[in-house]
């Protein structure tokens, strides 16, 4: 079992396919902060609201010097449709085998209507310019979350 990362730990490395057919790696963000957020599924209510909130705030994150990256187990094709449908202004990475989701400790047991199952915990990681995790939000509730993350970026 992989150690679940904590604040202060080096962020687990990754290289994944992303929307538009490219690839994205943690090392692509070296030298600037990265807001890496994990979400369960494209085009579902909570995930759509979260993506729209991060997308709307993308200029503020850029002005603060930080990059954004959303990540789920959805396919690149699903990400492309999701981005087009909602005119999202942020990149989305695809982790179909879940290795990166697990490396960040975001693959967890969930429960819905008494049924237990494994799924992605809506979580956000603020990674500093040196690749260290400086802040972790788990079990994220969408309202107000993006503002809280942006405040943390500005405080770096």
Protein backbone atom coordinates (compact mmCIF):
# COMPACT_ATOMS: atom_id res chain seq x y z
CA UNK A 1 0.00 0.00 0.00
CA UNK A 2 1.33 3.40 -0.99
CA UNK A 3 1.79 6.02 1.72
CA UNK A 4 -0.92 8.65 1.50
CA UNK A 5 0.81 11.99 0.95
CA UNK A 6 0.58 14.66 3.60
CA UNK A 7 1.29 18.37 3.63
CA UNK A 8 5.04 18.88 3.40
CA UNK A 9 5.62 15.71 1.35
CA UNK A 10 7.04 15.71 -2.16
CA UNK A 11 4.15 15.45 -4.62
CA UNK A 12 3.92 12.06 -6.37
CA UNK A 13 5.15 12.31 -9.96
CA UNK A 14 2.80 11.57 -12.86
CA UNK A 15 2.65 11.64 -16.64
CA UNK A 16 -0.84 11.31 -18.10
CA UNK A 17 -2.80 11.85 -21.28
CA UNK A 18 -4.77 15.08 -21.28
CA UNK A 19 -7.55 16.77 -23.17
CA UNK A 20 -6.73 17.62 -26.76
CA UNK A 21 -4.51 14.56 -27.15
CA UNK A 22 -1.39 15.83 -25.40
CA UNK A 23 0.46 14.62 -22.31
CA UNK A 24 0.95 16.35 -18.99
CA UNK A 25 3.50 15.67 -16.23
CA UNK A 26 4.10 17.06 -12.78
CA UNK A 27 7.52 18.19 -14.01
CA UNK A 28 5.78 20.47 -16.56
CA UNK A 29 4.86 22.71 -13.62
CA UNK A 30 8.30 22.94 -12.02
CA UNK A 31 9.03 26.48 -10.87
CA UNK A 32 5.41 27.50 -10.30
CA UNK A 33 2.60 26.42 -8.00
CA UNK A 34 0.09 23.86 -9.24
CA UNK A 35 -3.48 23.38 -8.08
CA UNK A 36 -4.20 19.71 -8.79
CA UNK A 37 -7.78 18.73 -8.18
CA UNK A 38 -9.30 15.25 -8.34
CA UNK A 39 -12.96 14.79 -9.18
CA UNK A 40 -15.17 11.72 -9.64
CA UNK A 41 -16.76 12.06 -13.10
CA UNK A 42 -17.12 14.41 -16.06
CA UNK A 43 -20.53 15.97 -16.67
CA UNK A 44 -22.08 15.17 -13.29
CA UNK A 45 -23.64 17.94 -11.23
CA UNK A 46 -20.99 18.50 -8.55
CA UNK A 47 -18.07 17.91 -10.88
CA UNK A 48 -19.49 20.29 -13.46
CA UNK A 49 -19.98 23.03 -10.86
CA UNK A 50 -16.44 22.52 -9.58
CA UNK A 51 -14.92 22.59 -13.08
CA UNK A 52 -16.92 25.70 -13.98
CA UNK A 53 -15.78 27.44 -10.77
CA UNK A 54 -12.11 26.63 -11.39
CA UNK A 55 -12.50 27.61 -15.05
CA UNK A 56 -14.07 30.97 -14.16
CA UNK A 57 -11.24 31.64 -11.70
CA UNK A 58 -8.49 30.52 -14.11
CA UNK A 59 -7.41 34.13 -14.88
CA UNK A 60 -7.09 34.88 -11.14
CA UNK A 61 -4.98 31.74 -10.61
CA UNK A 62 -2.80 32.68 -13.59
CA UNK A 63 -2.37 36.22 -12.21
CA UNK A 64 -1.33 34.66 -8.87
CA UNK A 65 1.27 32.60 -10.76
CA UNK A 66 -0.37 29.19 -10.35
CA UNK A 67 -1.42 26.57 -12.87
CA UNK A 68 -4.60 24.48 -12.68
CA UNK A 69 -5.09 20.82 -13.57
CA UNK A 70 -8.21 18.71 -13.09
CA UNK A 71 -7.88 14.93 -12.97
CA UNK A 72 -10.31 12.02 -13.10
CA UNK A 73 -10.41 8.46 -14.44
CA UNK A 74 -12.51 9.59 -17.42
CA UNK A 75 -11.10 9.15 -20.93
CA UNK A 76 -9.52 11.94 -22.95
CA UNK A 77 -12.52 11.75 -25.29
CA UNK A 78 -14.88 12.32 -22.34
CA UNK A 79 -12.71 15.22 -21.16
CA UNK A 80 -12.80 16.80 -24.63
CA UNK A 81 -16.62 16.59 -24.70
CA UNK A 82 -16.86 17.96 -21.14
CA UNK A 83 -14.60 20.93 -21.96
CA UNK A 84 -16.48 21.71 -25.19
CA UNK A 85 -19.93 21.39 -23.60
CA UNK A 86 -19.16 23.81 -20.75
CA UNK A 87 -16.46 25.93 -22.48
CA UNK A 88 -14.00 25.11 -19.71
CA UNK A 89 -10.71 27.03 -19.60
CA UNK A 90 -8.49 24.54 -17.80
CA UNK A 91 -6.68 21.33 -18.70
CA UNK A 92 -8.01 17.93 -17.64
CA UNK A 93 -5.82 14.84 -17.23
CA UNK A 94 -7.01 11.27 -17.73
CA UNK A 95 -5.97 8.54 -15.27
CA UNK A 96 -7.93 5.51 -16.50
CA UNK A 97 -5.96 2.96 -14.47
CA UNK A 98 -6.17 5.13 -11.36
CA UNK A 99 -2.45 4.98 -10.48
CA UNK A 100 -2.15 8.72 -9.90
CA UNK A 101 -5.48 8.87 -8.06
CA UNK A 102 -4.18 6.14 -5.72
CA UNK A 103 -0.74 7.78 -5.35
CA UNK A 104 -2.43 10.90 -3.98
CA UNK A 105 -4.69 8.91 -1.66
CA UNK A 106 -7.83 9.99 -3.47
CA UNK A 107 -9.16 6.47 -4.27
CA UNK A 108 -11.33 5.77 -1.24
CA UNK A 109 -14.23 3.72 0.00
CA UNK A 110 -17.48 5.65 -0.35
CA UNK A 111 -21.04 4.93 0.63
CA UNK A 112 -24.29 5.80 -1.11
CA UNK A 113 -27.70 4.61 0.08
CA UNK A 114 -25.98 2.06 2.33
CA UNK A 115 -23.94 0.58 -0.53
CA UNK A 116 -20.15 0.74 -0.18
CA UNK A 117 -17.97 1.16 -3.26
CA UNK A 118 -14.58 2.55 -4.28
CA UNK A 119 -14.40 5.95 -5.93
CA UNK A 120 -12.53 9.22 -6.24
CA UNK A 121 -12.61 11.49 -3.21
CA UNK A 122 -13.14 15.06 -4.39
CA UNK A 123 -9.81 16.48 -3.26
CA UNK A 124 -7.44 19.32 -4.09
CA UNK A 125 -3.68 19.59 -3.66
CA UNK A 126 -1.70 22.80 -3.72
CA UNK A 127 1.82 21.96 -4.85
CA UNK A 128 4.50 24.64 -4.53
CA UNK A 129 7.12 25.62 -7.11
CA UNK A 130 9.55 23.07 -5.64
CA UNK A 131 7.12 20.15 -5.99
CA UNK A 132 6.06 19.93 -2.32
CA UNK A 133 2.46 19.60 -1.21
CA UNK A 134 1.72 22.68 0.87
CA UNK A 135 -2.03 22.24 1.33
CA UNK A 136 -4.54 19.40 0.97
CA UNK A 137 -8.31 19.63 0.91
CA UNK A 138 -10.18 16.30 1.19
CA UNK A 139 -13.92 15.61 0.95
CA UNK A 140 -14.30 18.94 -0.83
CA UNK A 141 -17.64 20.71 -0.89
CA UNK A 142 -17.86 22.81 -4.05
CA UNK A 143 -19.41 26.08 -2.76
CA UNK A 144 -16.60 28.43 -1.72
CA UNK A 145 -13.83 25.90 -2.39
CA UNK A 146 -12.22 27.70 -5.33
CA UNK A 147 -12.05 30.96 -3.35
CA UNK A 148 -10.36 29.14 -0.46
CA UNK A 149 -7.81 27.54 -2.81
CA UNK A 150 -7.10 30.87 -4.52
CA UNK A 151 -6.52 32.51 -1.13
CA UNK A 152 -4.03 29.76 -0.27
CA UNK A 153 -2.21 30.30 -3.59
CA UNK A 154 -1.98 34.03 -2.93
CA UNK A 155 -0.58 33.33 0.54
CA UNK A 156 2.38 31.35 -0.86
